PDB file of N, CA and C in Angstrom:
ATOM      1  N   MET A   1     -86.471 -29.075  26.371  1.00  0.00           N
ATOM      2  CA  MET A   1     -86.224 -30.425  26.849  1.00  0.00           C
ATOM      3  C   MET A   1     -86.503 -31.425  25.730  1.00  0.00           C
ATOM      4  N   PRO A   2     -85.732 -32.511  25.689  1.00  0.00           N
ATOM      5  CA  PRO A   2     -85.982 -33.534  24.668  1.00  0.00           C
ATOM      6  C   PRO A   2     -87.365 -34.147  24.827  1.00  0.00           C
ATOM      7  N   ASP A   3     -87.910 -34.658  23.719  1.00  0.00           N
ATOM      8  CA  ASP A   3     -89.253 -35.233  23.717  1.00  0.00           C
ATOM      9  C   ASP A   3     -89.404 -36.415  24.662  1.00  0.00           C
ATOM     10  N   ASN A   4     -88.360 -37.191  24.871  1.00  0.00           N
ATOM     11  CA  ASN A   4     -88.464 -38.408  25.661  1.00  0.00           C
ATOM     12  C   ASN A   4     -88.162 -38.217  27.145  1.00  0.00           C
ATOM     13  N   VAL A   5     -88.104 -36.961  27.641  1.00  0.00           N
ATOM     14  CA  VAL A   5     -87.893 -36.722  29.071  1.00  0.00           C
ATOM     15  C   VAL A   5     -89.140 -37.183  29.804  1.00  0.00           C
ATOM     16  N   ILE A   6     -88.944 -38.048  30.808  1.00  0.00           N
ATOM     17  CA  ILE A   6     -90.097 -38.543  31.562  1.00  0.00           C
ATOM     18  C   ILE A   6     -90.182 -37.947  32.957  1.00  0.00           C
ATOM     19  N   CYS A   7     -89.069 -37.474  33.506  1.00  0.00           N
ATOM     20  CA  CYS A   7     -89.061 -36.733  34.765  1.00  0.00           C
ATOM     21  C   CYS A   7     -87.633 -36.278  35.037  1.00  0.00           C
ATOM     22  N   ARG A   8     -87.452 -35.539  36.112  1.00  0.00           N
ATOM     23  CA  ARG A   8     -86.124 -35.100  36.531  1.00  0.00           C
ATOM     24  C   ARG A   8     -85.544 -36.125  37.491  1.00  0.00           C
ATOM     25  N   LEU A   9     -84.228 -36.303  37.492  1.00  0.00           N
ATOM     26  CA  LEU A   9     -83.572 -37.198  38.432  1.00  0.00           C
ATOM     27  C   LEU A   9     -83.920 -36.800  39.863  1.00  0.00           C
ATOM     28  N   ASP A  10     -83.964 -35.499  40.129  1.00  0.00           N
ATOM     29  CA  ASP A  10     -84.272 -35.005  41.476  1.00  0.00           C
ATOM     30  C   ASP A  10     -85.703 -35.310  41.912  1.00  0.00           C
ATOM     31  N   ASP A  11     -86.566 -35.731  40.986  1.00  0.00           N
ATOM     32  CA  ASP A  11     -87.940 -36.102  41.348  1.00  0.00           C
ATOM     33  C   ASP A  11     -87.999 -37.436  42.091  1.00  0.00           C
ATOM     34  N   ILE A  12     -86.898 -38.209  42.056  1.00  0.00           N
ATOM     35  CA  ILE A  12     -86.867 -39.525  42.701  1.00  0.00           C
ATOM     36  C   ILE A  12     -85.769 -39.502  43.761  1.00  0.00           C
ATOM     37  N   PRO A  13     -86.130 -39.648  45.039  1.00  0.00           N
ATOM     38  CA  PRO A  13     -85.094 -39.709  46.077  1.00  0.00           C
ATOM     39  C   PRO A  13     -84.166 -40.899  45.849  1.00  0.00           C
ATOM     40  N   ASP A  14     -82.899 -40.732  46.185  1.00  0.00           N
ATOM     41  CA  ASP A  14     -81.925 -41.810  46.032  1.00  0.00           C
ATOM     42  C   ASP A  14     -82.405 -43.047  46.785  1.00  0.00           C
ATOM     43  N   GLY A  15     -82.374 -44.198  46.123  1.00  0.00           N
ATOM     44  CA  GLY A  15     -82.800 -45.446  46.732  1.00  0.00           C
ATOM     45  C   GLY A  15     -84.299 -45.703  46.653  1.00  0.00           C
ATOM     46  N   GLU A  16     -85.021 -44.826  45.979  1.00  0.00           N
ATOM     47  CA  GLU A  16     -86.472 -44.959  45.856  1.00  0.00           C
ATOM     48  C   GLU A  16     -86.850 -45.140  44.391  1.00  0.00           C
ATOM     49  N   GLY A  17     -88.132 -45.268  44.140  1.00  0.00           N
ATOM     50  CA  GLY A  17     -88.633 -45.443  42.787  1.00  0.00           C
ATOM     51  C   GLY A  17     -89.814 -44.543  42.511  1.00  0.00           C
ATOM     52  N   LYS A  18     -90.174 -44.457  41.246  1.00  0.00           N
ATOM     53  CA  LYS A  18     -91.319 -43.655  40.821  1.00  0.00           C
ATOM     54  C   LYS A  18     -92.034 -44.395  39.702  1.00  0.00           C
ATOM     55  N   GLY A  19     -93.341 -44.492  39.818  1.00  0.00           N
ATOM     56  CA  GLY A  19     -94.154 -45.072  38.759  1.00  0.00           C
ATOM     57  C   GLY A  19     -94.547 -44.002  37.762  1.00  0.00           C
ATOM     58  N   LEU A  20     -94.454 -44.334  36.492  1.00  0.00           N
ATOM     59  CA  LEU A  20     -94.752 -43.378  35.425  1.00  0.00           C
ATOM     60  C   LEU A  20     -95.500 -44.077  34.300  1.00  0.00           C
ATOM     61  N   ILE A  21     -96.246 -43.312  33.550  1.00  0.00           N
ATOM     62  CA  ILE A  21     -96.859 -43.812  32.319  1.00  0.00           C
ATOM     63  C   ILE A  21     -96.165 -43.115  31.169  1.00  0.00           C
ATOM     64  N   VAL A  22     -95.631 -43.893  30.241  1.00  0.00           N
ATOM     65  CA  VAL A  22     -94.936 -43.319  29.087  1.00  0.00           C
ATOM     66  C   VAL A  22     -95.622 -43.768  27.807  1.00  0.00           C
ATOM     67  N   GLN A  23     -95.540 -42.917  26.813  1.00  0.00           N
ATOM     68  CA  GLN A  23     -96.113 -43.214  25.510  1.00  0.00           C
ATOM     69  C   GLN A  23     -95.014 -43.781  24.610  1.00  0.00           C
ATOM     70  N   THR A  24     -95.229 -44.972  24.085  1.00  0.00           N
ATOM     71  CA  THR A  24     -94.295 -45.587  23.146  1.00  0.00           C
ATOM     72  C   THR A  24     -95.013 -45.799  21.818  1.00  0.00           C
ATOM     73  N   LYS A  25     -94.297 -46.234  20.811  1.00  0.00           N
ATOM     74  CA  LYS A  25     -94.933 -46.534  19.526  1.00  0.00           C
ATOM     75  C   LYS A  25     -95.986 -47.622  19.670  1.00  0.00           C
ATOM     76  N   ALA A  26     -95.789 -48.517  20.638  1.00  0.00           N
ATOM     77  CA  ALA A  26     -96.738 -49.613  20.870  1.00  0.00           C
ATOM     78  C   ALA A  26     -97.893 -49.196  21.779  1.00  0.00           C
ATOM     79  N   GLY A  27     -97.898 -47.949  22.243  1.00  0.00           N
ATOM     80  CA  GLY A  27     -98.953 -47.464  23.124  1.00  0.00           C
ATOM     81  C   GLY A  27     -98.411 -47.103  24.493  1.00  0.00           C
ATOM     82  N   GLU A  28     -99.328 -46.819  25.424  1.00  0.00           N
ATOM     83  CA  GLU A  28     -98.920 -46.446  26.771  1.00  0.00           C
ATOM     84  C   GLU A  28     -98.346 -47.640  27.516  1.00  0.00           C
ATOM     85  N   ARG A  29     -97.297 -47.375  28.301  1.00  0.00           N
ATOM     86  CA  ARG A  29     -96.678 -48.396  29.149  1.00  0.00           C
ATOM     87  C   ARG A  29     -96.559 -47.843  30.555  1.00  0.00           C
ATOM     88  N   GLU A  30     -96.923 -48.662  31.535  1.00  0.00           N
ATOM     89  CA  GLU A  30     -96.710 -48.308  32.931  1.00  0.00           C
ATOM     90  C   GLU A  30     -95.340 -48.840  33.309  1.00  0.00           C
ATOM     91  N   ILE A  31     -94.474 -47.920  33.738  1.00  0.00           N
ATOM     92  CA  ILE A  31     -93.110 -48.303  34.082  1.00  0.00           C
ATOM     93  C   ILE A  31     -92.787 -47.838  35.495  1.00  0.00           C
ATOM     94  N   MET A  32     -91.662 -48.302  35.997  1.00  0.00           N
ATOM     95  CA  MET A  32     -91.106 -47.776  37.233  1.00  0.00           C
ATOM     96  C   MET A  32     -89.652 -47.448  36.951  1.00  0.00           C
ATOM     97  N   VAL A  33     -89.201 -46.380  37.577  1.00  0.00           N
ATOM     98  CA  VAL A  33     -87.809 -45.979  37.467  1.00  0.00           C
ATOM     99  C   VAL A  33     -87.252 -45.974  38.878  1.00  0.00           C
ATOM    100  N   ILE A  34     -86.171 -46.706  39.089  1.00  0.00           N
ATOM    101  CA  ILE A  34     -85.523 -46.813  40.384  1.00  0.00           C
ATOM    102  C   ILE A  34     -84.219 -46.028  40.313  1.00  0.00           C
ATOM    103  N   ARG A  35     -84.001 -45.171  41.306  1.00  0.00           N
ATOM    104  CA  ARG A  35     -82.770 -44.370  41.346  1.00  0.00           C
ATOM    105  C   ARG A  35     -81.781 -44.995  42.320  1.00  0.00           C
ATOM    106  N   LYS A  36     -80.535 -45.085  41.878  1.00  0.00           N
ATOM    107  CA  LYS A  36     -79.440 -45.534  42.734  1.00  0.00           C
ATOM    108  C   LYS A  36     -78.287 -44.570  42.486  1.00  0.00           C
ATOM    109  N   GLY A  37     -78.139 -43.588  43.385  1.00  0.00           N
ATOM    110  CA  GLY A  37     -77.145 -42.545  43.181  1.00  0.00           C
ATOM    111  C   GLY A  37     -77.521 -41.709  41.974  1.00  0.00           C
ATOM    112  N   GLY A  38     -76.571 -41.546  41.051  1.00  0.00           N
ATOM    113  CA  GLY A  38     -76.824 -40.786  39.832  1.00  0.00           C
ATOM    114  C   GLY A  38     -77.329 -41.640  38.691  1.00  0.00           C
ATOM    115  N   GLY A  39     -77.517 -42.944  38.943  1.00  0.00           N
ATOM    116  CA  GLY A  39     -77.990 -43.853  37.910  1.00  0.00           C
ATOM    117  C   GLY A  39     -79.444 -44.223  38.106  1.00  0.00           C
ATOM    118  N   VAL A  40     -80.062 -44.703  37.047  1.00  0.00           N
ATOM    119  CA  VAL A  40     -81.453 -45.133  37.092  1.00  0.00           C
ATOM    120  C   VAL A  40     -81.616 -46.466  36.374  1.00  0.00           C
ATOM    121  N   PHE A  41     -82.622 -47.200  36.808  1.00  0.00           N
ATOM    122  CA  PHE A  41     -82.979 -48.484  36.206  1.00  0.00           C
ATOM    123  C   PHE A  41     -84.466 -48.442  35.917  1.00  0.00           C
ATOM    124  N   GLY A  42     -84.844 -48.772  34.698  1.00  0.00           N
ATOM    125  CA  GLY A  42     -86.249 -48.756  34.313  1.00  0.00           C
ATOM    126  C   GLY A  42     -86.755 -50.159  34.051  1.00  0.00           C
ATOM    127  N   TYR A  43     -87.977 -50.407  34.475  1.00  0.00           N
ATOM    128  CA  TYR A  43     -88.639 -51.701  34.254  1.00  0.00           C
ATOM    129  C   TYR A  43     -90.110 -51.451  33.984  1.00  0.00           C
ATOM    130  N   LEU A  44     -90.744 -52.382  33.269  1.00  0.00           N
ATOM    131  CA  LEU A  44     -92.199 -52.346  33.206  1.00  0.00           C
ATOM    132  C   LEU A  44     -92.706 -52.591  34.612  1.00  0.00           C
ATOM    133  N   ASN A  45     -93.765 -51.925  34.998  1.00  0.00           N
ATOM    134  CA  ASN A  45     -94.318 -52.057  36.335  1.00  0.00           C
ATOM    135  C   ASN A  45     -95.267 -53.255  36.359  1.00  0.00           C
ATOM    136  N   SER A  46     -94.681 -54.436  36.318  1.00  0.00           N
ATOM    137  CA  SER A  46     -95.469 -55.659  36.276  1.00  0.00           C
ATOM    138  C   SER A  46     -94.690 -56.802  36.915  1.00  0.00           C
ATOM    139  N   CYS A  47     -95.303 -57.459  37.878  1.00  0.00           N
ATOM    140  CA  CYS A  47     -94.690 -58.599  38.552  1.00  0.00           C
ATOM    141  C   CYS A  47     -94.643 -59.796  37.603  1.00  0.00           C
ATOM    142  N   PRO A  48     -93.490 -60.453  37.450  1.00  0.00           N
ATOM    143  CA  PRO A  48     -93.408 -61.599  36.544  1.00  0.00           C
ATOM    144  C   PRO A  48     -94.110 -62.845  37.089  1.00  0.00           C
ATOM    145  N   HIS A  49     -94.530 -62.795  38.331  1.00  0.00           N
ATOM    146  CA  HIS A  49     -95.228 -63.937  38.936  1.00  0.00           C
ATOM    147  C   HIS A  49     -96.744 -63.760  38.864  1.00  0.00           C
ATOM    148  N   ALA A  50     -97.233 -62.613  39.321  1.00  0.00           N
ATOM    149  CA  ALA A  50     -98.680 -62.415  39.416  1.00  0.00           C
ATOM    150  C   ALA A  50     -99.233 -61.460  38.357  1.00  0.00           C
ATOM    151  N   TRP A  51     -98.373 -60.834  37.575  1.00  0.00           N
ATOM    152  CA  TRP A  51     -98.758 -59.901  36.514  1.00  0.00           C
ATOM    153  C   TRP A  51     -99.626 -58.762  37.039  1.00  0.00           C
ATOM    154  N   VAL A  52     -99.239 -58.226  38.203  1.00  0.00           N
ATOM    155  CA  VAL A  52     -99.880 -57.044  38.770  1.00  0.00           C
ATOM    156  C   VAL A  52     -98.816 -55.978  38.955  1.00  0.00           C
ATOM    157  N   GLN A  53     -99.238 -54.730  39.181  1.00  0.00           N
ATOM    158  CA  GLN A  53     -98.273 -53.665  39.431  1.00  0.00           C
ATOM    159  C   GLN A  53     -97.508 -53.956  40.711  1.00  0.00           C
ATOM    160  N   LEU A  54     -96.255 -53.529  40.748  1.00  0.00           N
ATOM    161  CA  LEU A  54     -95.398 -53.798  41.896  1.00  0.00           C
ATOM    162  C   LEU A  54     -95.574 -52.807  43.037  1.00  0.00           C
ATOM    163  N   ASP A  55     -96.103 -51.635  42.766  1.00  0.00           N
ATOM    164  CA  ASP A  55     -96.282 -50.650  43.840  1.00  0.00           C
ATOM    165  C   ASP A  55     -97.694 -50.763  44.417  1.00  0.00           C
ATOM    166  N   GLY A  56     -97.784 -51.393  45.597  1.00  0.00           N
ATOM    167  CA  GLY A  56     -99.059 -51.505  46.280  1.00  0.00           C
ATOM    168  C   GLY A  56     -99.592 -50.144  46.685  1.00  0.00           C
ATOM    169  N   SER A  57     -98.701 -49.232  46.999  1.00  0.00           N
ATOM    170  CA  SER A  57     -99.010 -47.828  47.251  1.00  0.00           C
ATOM    171  C   SER A  57     -98.222 -47.031  46.229  1.00  0.00           C
ATOM    172  N   PRO A  58     -98.712 -45.872  45.808  1.00  0.00           N
ATOM    173  CA  PRO A  58     -98.002 -45.111  44.765  1.00  0.00           C
ATOM    174  C   PRO A  58     -96.519 -44.901  45.084  1.00  0.00           C
ATOM    175  N   ASP A  59     -95.689 -45.258  44.130  1.00  0.00           N
ATOM    176  CA  ASP A  59     -94.242 -45.042  44.160  1.00  0.00           C
ATOM    177  C   ASP A  59     -93.524 -45.808  45.280  1.00  0.00           C
ATOM    178  N   ARG A  60     -94.126 -46.830  45.866  1.00  0.00           N
ATOM    179  CA  ARG A  60     -93.473 -47.628  46.905  1.00  0.00           C
ATOM    180  C   ARG A  60     -93.089 -48.968  46.296  1.00  0.00           C
ATOM    181  N   PHE A  61     -91.845 -49.052  45.837  1.00  0.00           N
ATOM    182  CA  PHE A  61     -91.337 -50.238  45.168  1.00  0.00           C
ATOM    183  C   PHE A  61     -90.284 -50.978  45.982  1.00  0.00           C
ATOM    184  N   MET A  62     -89.658 -50.300  46.936  1.00  0.00           N
ATOM    185  CA  MET A  62     -88.448 -50.816  47.562  1.00  0.00           C
ATOM    186  C   MET A  62     -88.728 -51.520  48.893  1.00  0.00           C
ATOM    187  N   ASN A  63     -87.818 -52.464  49.255  1.00  0.00           N
ATOM    188  CA  ASN A  63     -87.889 -53.082  50.572  1.00  0.00           C
ATOM    189  C   ASN A  63     -87.344 -52.104  51.612  1.00  0.00           C
ATOM    190  N   ARG A  64     -87.344 -52.508  52.882  1.00  0.00           N
ATOM    191  CA  ARG A  64     -86.954 -51.579  53.957  1.00  0.00           C
ATOM    192  C   ARG A  64     -85.541 -51.044  53.830  1.00  0.00           C
ATOM    193  N   ASP A  65     -84.587 -51.899  53.442  1.00  0.00           N
ATOM    194  CA  ASP A  65     -83.214 -51.401  53.344  1.00  0.00           C
ATOM    195  C   ASP A  65     -82.899 -50.843  51.955  1.00  0.00           C
ATOM    196  N   LYS A  66     -83.911 -50.753  51.114  1.00  0.00           N
ATOM    197  CA  LYS A  66     -83.828 -50.138  49.784  1.00  0.00           C
ATOM    198  C   LYS A  66     -82.827 -50.839  48.866  1.00  0.00           C
ATOM    199  N   SER A  67     -82.634 -52.138  49.095  1.00  0.00           N
ATOM    200  CA  SER A  67     -81.708 -52.886  48.250  1.00  0.00           C
ATOM    201  C   SER A  67     -82.416 -53.676  47.154  1.00  0.00           C
ATOM    202  N   HIS A  68     -83.709 -53.884  47.285  1.00  0.00           N
ATOM    203  CA  HIS A  68     -84.452 -54.692  46.311  1.00  0.00           C
ATOM    204  C   HIS A  68     -85.849 -54.119  46.052  1.00  0.00           C
ATOM    205  N   ILE A  69     -86.329 -54.380  44.867  1.00  0.00           N
ATOM    206  CA  ILE A  69     -87.736 -54.126  44.550  1.00  0.00           C
ATOM    207  C   ILE A  69     -88.392 -55.439  44.986  1.00  0.00           C
ATOM    208  N   MET A  70     -88.811 -56.231  44.029  1.00  0.00           N
ATOM    209  CA  MET A  70     -89.128 -57.626  44.312  1.00  0.00           C
ATOM    210  C   MET A  70     -87.990 -58.456  43.736  1.00  0.00           C
ATOM    211  N   CYS A  71     -87.088 -57.771  43.070  1.00  0.00           N
ATOM    212  CA  CYS A  71     -85.952 -58.404  42.408  1.00  0.00           C
ATOM    213  C   CYS A  71     -84.737 -57.488  42.605  1.00  0.00           C
ATOM    214  N   ALA A  72     -83.581 -57.987  42.269  1.00  0.00           N
ATOM    215  CA  ALA A  72     -82.369 -57.177  42.403  1.00  0.00           C
ATOM    216  C   ALA A  72     -82.450 -55.969  41.471  1.00  0.00           C
ATOM    217  N   ILE A  73     -82.044 -54.806  41.966  1.00  0.00           N
ATOM    218  CA  ILE A  73     -82.200 -53.567  41.210  1.00  0.00           C
ATOM    219  C   ILE A  73     -81.488 -53.609  39.863  1.00  0.00           C
ATOM    220  N   GLU A  74     -80.213 -53.970  39.831  1.00  0.00           N
ATOM    221  CA  GLU A  74     -79.452 -53.855  38.596  1.00  0.00           C
ATOM    222  C   GLU A  74     -79.871 -54.856  37.527  1.00  0.00           C
ATOM    223  N   THR A  75     -80.234 -56.068  37.926  1.00  0.00           N
ATOM    224  CA  THR A  75     -80.520 -57.109  36.946  1.00  0.00           C
ATOM    225  C   THR A  75     -81.993 -57.357  36.735  1.00  0.00           C
ATOM    226  N   GLY A  76     -82.834 -57.020  37.719  1.00  0.00           N
ATOM    227  CA  GLY A  76     -84.244 -57.338  37.631  1.00  0.00           C
ATOM    228  C   GLY A  76     -84.528 -58.806  37.901  1.00  0.00           C
ATOM    229  N   ARG A  77     -83.504 -59.571  38.256  1.00  0.00           N
ATOM    230  CA  ARG A  77     -83.678 -61.002  38.515  1.00  0.00           C
ATOM    231  C   ARG A  77     -84.272 -61.207  39.898  1.00  0.00           C
ATOM    232  N   CYS A  78     -85.304 -62.027  40.000  1.00  0.00           N
ATOM    233  CA  CYS A  78     -85.953 -62.308  41.281  1.00  0.00           C
ATOM    234  C   CYS A  78     -85.035 -63.172  42.135  1.00  0.00           C
ATOM    235  N   VAL A  79     -84.856 -62.753  43.386  1.00  0.00           N
ATOM    236  CA  VAL A  79     -83.927 -63.445  44.276  1.00  0.00           C
ATOM    237  C   VAL A  79     -84.636 -64.214  45.381  1.00  0.00           C
ATOM    238  N   ALA A  80     -85.961 -64.081  45.503  1.00  0.00           N
ATOM    239  CA  ALA A  80     -86.713 -64.809  46.520  1.00  0.00           C
ATOM    240  C   ALA A  80     -88.187 -64.812  46.146  1.00  0.00           C
ATOM    241  N   GLY A  81     -88.946 -65.666  46.804  1.00  0.00           N
ATOM    242  CA  GLY A  81     -90.389 -65.698  46.614  1.00  0.00           C
ATOM    243  C   GLY A  81     -90.810 -66.589  45.466  1.00  0.00           C
ATOM    244  N   PRO A  82     -92.092 -66.536  45.118  1.00  0.00           N
ATOM    245  CA  PRO A  82     -92.632 -67.459  44.115  1.00  0.00           C
ATOM    246  C   PRO A  82     -92.132 -67.223  42.698  1.00  0.00           C
ATOM    247  N   CYS A  83     -91.518 -66.071  42.454  1.00  0.00           N
ATOM    248  CA  CYS A  83     -91.027 -65.795  41.097  1.00  0.00           C
ATOM    249  C   CYS A  83     -89.535 -66.064  40.966  1.00  0.00           C
ATOM    250  N   LEU A  84     -88.934 -66.714  41.945  1.00  0.00           N
ATOM    251  CA  LEU A  84     -87.497 -66.999  41.928  1.00  0.00           C
ATOM    252  C   LEU A  84     -87.065 -67.530  40.566  1.00  0.00           C
ATOM    253  N   GLY A  85     -86.048 -66.895  40.002  1.00  0.00           N
ATOM    254  CA  GLY A  85     -85.540 -67.307  38.695  1.00  0.00           C
ATOM    255  C   GLY A  85     -86.109 -66.490  37.545  1.00  0.00           C
ATOM    256  N   ASN A  86     -87.231 -65.829  37.734  1.00  0.00           N
ATOM    257  CA  ASN A  86     -87.785 -64.953  36.709  1.00  0.00           C
ATOM    258  C   ASN A  86     -87.112 -63.592  36.820  1.00  0.00           C
ATOM    259  N   HIS A  87     -87.510 -62.651  35.995  1.00  0.00           N
ATOM    260  CA  HIS A  87     -86.937 -61.308  36.078  1.00  0.00           C
ATOM    261  C   HIS A  87     -87.935 -60.286  35.573  1.00  0.00           C
ATOM    262  N   LEU A  88     -87.720 -59.054  36.001  1.00  0.00           N
ATOM    263  CA  LEU A  88     -88.529 -57.950  35.526  1.00  0.00           C
ATOM    264  C   LEU A  88     -88.173 -57.645  34.078  1.00  0.00           C
ATOM    265  N   MET A  89     -89.116 -57.067  33.357  1.00  0.00           N
ATOM    266  CA  MET A  89     -88.879 -56.680  31.968  1.00  0.00           C
ATOM    267  C   MET A  89     -88.247 -55.290  31.965  1.00  0.00           C
ATOM    268  N   PRO A  90     -86.982 -55.176  31.513  1.00  0.00           N
ATOM    269  CA  PRO A  90     -86.317 -53.866  31.492  1.00  0.00           C
ATOM    270  C   PRO A  90     -87.027 -52.877  30.571  1.00  0.00           C
ATOM    271  N   PHE A  91     -86.932 -51.609  30.909  1.00  0.00           N
ATOM    272  CA  PHE A  91     -87.406 -50.524  30.060  1.00  0.00           C
ATOM    273  C   PHE A  91     -86.248 -49.536  29.967  1.00  0.00           C
ATOM    274  N   PRO A  92     -85.816 -49.189  28.758  1.00  0.00           N
ATOM    275  CA  PRO A  92     -84.589 -48.384  28.596  1.00  0.00           C
ATOM    276  C   PRO A  92     -84.754 -46.932  29.048  1.00  0.00           C
ATOM    277  N   VAL A  93     -83.942 -46.557  30.043  1.00  0.00           N
ATOM    278  CA  VAL A  93     -83.897 -45.174  30.514  1.00  0.00           C
ATOM    279  C   VAL A  93     -82.444 -44.772  30.702  1.00  0.00           C
ATOM    280  N   THR A  94     -82.208 -43.477  30.635  1.00  0.00           N
ATOM    281  CA  THR A  94     -80.874 -42.939  30.855  1.00  0.00           C
ATOM    282  C   THR A  94     -81.010 -41.563  31.503  1.00  0.00           C
ATOM    283  N   VAL A  95     -79.905 -41.044  32.020  1.00  0.00           N
ATOM    284  CA  VAL A  95     -79.896 -39.712  32.626  1.00  0.00           C
ATOM    285  C   VAL A  95     -79.019 -38.802  31.783  1.00  0.00           C
ATOM    286  N   ARG A  96     -79.553 -37.637  31.451  1.00  0.00           N
ATOM    287  CA  ARG A  96     -78.788 -36.642  30.713  1.00  0.00           C
ATOM    288  C   ARG A  96     -79.181 -35.253  31.214  1.00  0.00           C
ATOM    289  N   ASP A  97     -78.211 -34.480  31.633  1.00  0.00           N
ATOM    290  CA  ASP A  97     -78.437 -33.111  32.113  1.00  0.00           C
ATOM    291  C   ASP A  97     -79.487 -33.057  33.218  1.00  0.00           C
ATOM    292  N   GLY A  98     -79.485 -34.062  34.096  1.00  0.00           N
ATOM    293  CA  GLY A  98     -80.421 -34.091  35.211  1.00  0.00           C
ATOM    294  C   GLY A  98     -81.816 -34.565  34.860  1.00  0.00           C
ATOM    295  N   ASN A  99     -82.030 -34.930  33.593  1.00  0.00           N
ATOM    296  CA  ASN A  99     -83.317 -35.444  33.137  1.00  0.00           C
ATOM    297  C   ASN A  99     -83.254 -36.954  32.983  1.00  0.00           C
ATOM    298  N   ILE A 100     -84.341 -37.632  33.329  1.00  0.00           N
ATOM    299  CA  ILE A 100     -84.455 -39.051  33.032  1.00  0.00           C
ATOM    300  C   ILE A 100     -85.183 -39.164  31.704  1.00  0.00           C
ATOM    301  N   ILE A 101     -84.555 -39.882  30.792  1.00  0.00           N
ATOM    302  CA  ILE A 101     -85.030 -39.937  29.414  1.00  0.00           C
ATOM    303  C   ILE A 101     -85.359 -41.383  29.055  1.00  0.00           C
ATOM    304  N   ALA A 102     -86.522 -41.583  28.452  1.00  0.00           N
ATOM    305  CA  ALA A 102     -86.855 -42.890  27.891  1.00  0.00           C
ATOM    306  C   ALA A 102     -85.971 -43.069  26.662  1.00  0.00           C
ATOM    307  N   ALA A 103     -85.114 -44.089  26.716  1.00  0.00           N
ATOM    308  CA  ALA A 103     -84.072 -44.265  25.693  1.00  0.00           C
ATOM    309  C   ALA A 103     -84.510 -45.205  24.587  1.00  0.00           C
ATOM    310  N   PHE A 104     -85.636 -44.890  23.968  1.00  0.00           N
ATOM    311  CA  PHE A 104     -86.091 -45.650  22.823  1.00  0.00           C
ATOM    312  C   PHE A 104     -86.366 -44.668  21.692  1.00  0.00           C
ATOM    313  N   GLU A 105     -86.456 -45.170  20.487  1.00  0.00           N
ATOM    314  CA  GLU A 105     -86.708 -44.282  19.334  1.00  0.00           C
ATOM    315  C   GLU A 105     -88.167 -44.177  19.060  1.00  0.00           C
TER     316      GLU A 105
END
């Protein structure tokens, strides 16, 4: 497996998320990976309003209908609440051969 594999796509149910700690050149980063079908979206696990982790319970990032974290899944832009207009900090991830890979050098 490539060095930057952080988990398998099958480790995250469709429409759900997973919190992970990854090692980068700048040190450890707490991230979340959200799965939507065969695609994934990665963000730092940090609220742009309160600067706390977004999962109050482990791996629970999504609203009831699984359409939003605290922000829109694809853009990370906050659509309601006190952080309206802010956005999550993206973290580069991709899927290859069923593996989710941190897409940084």
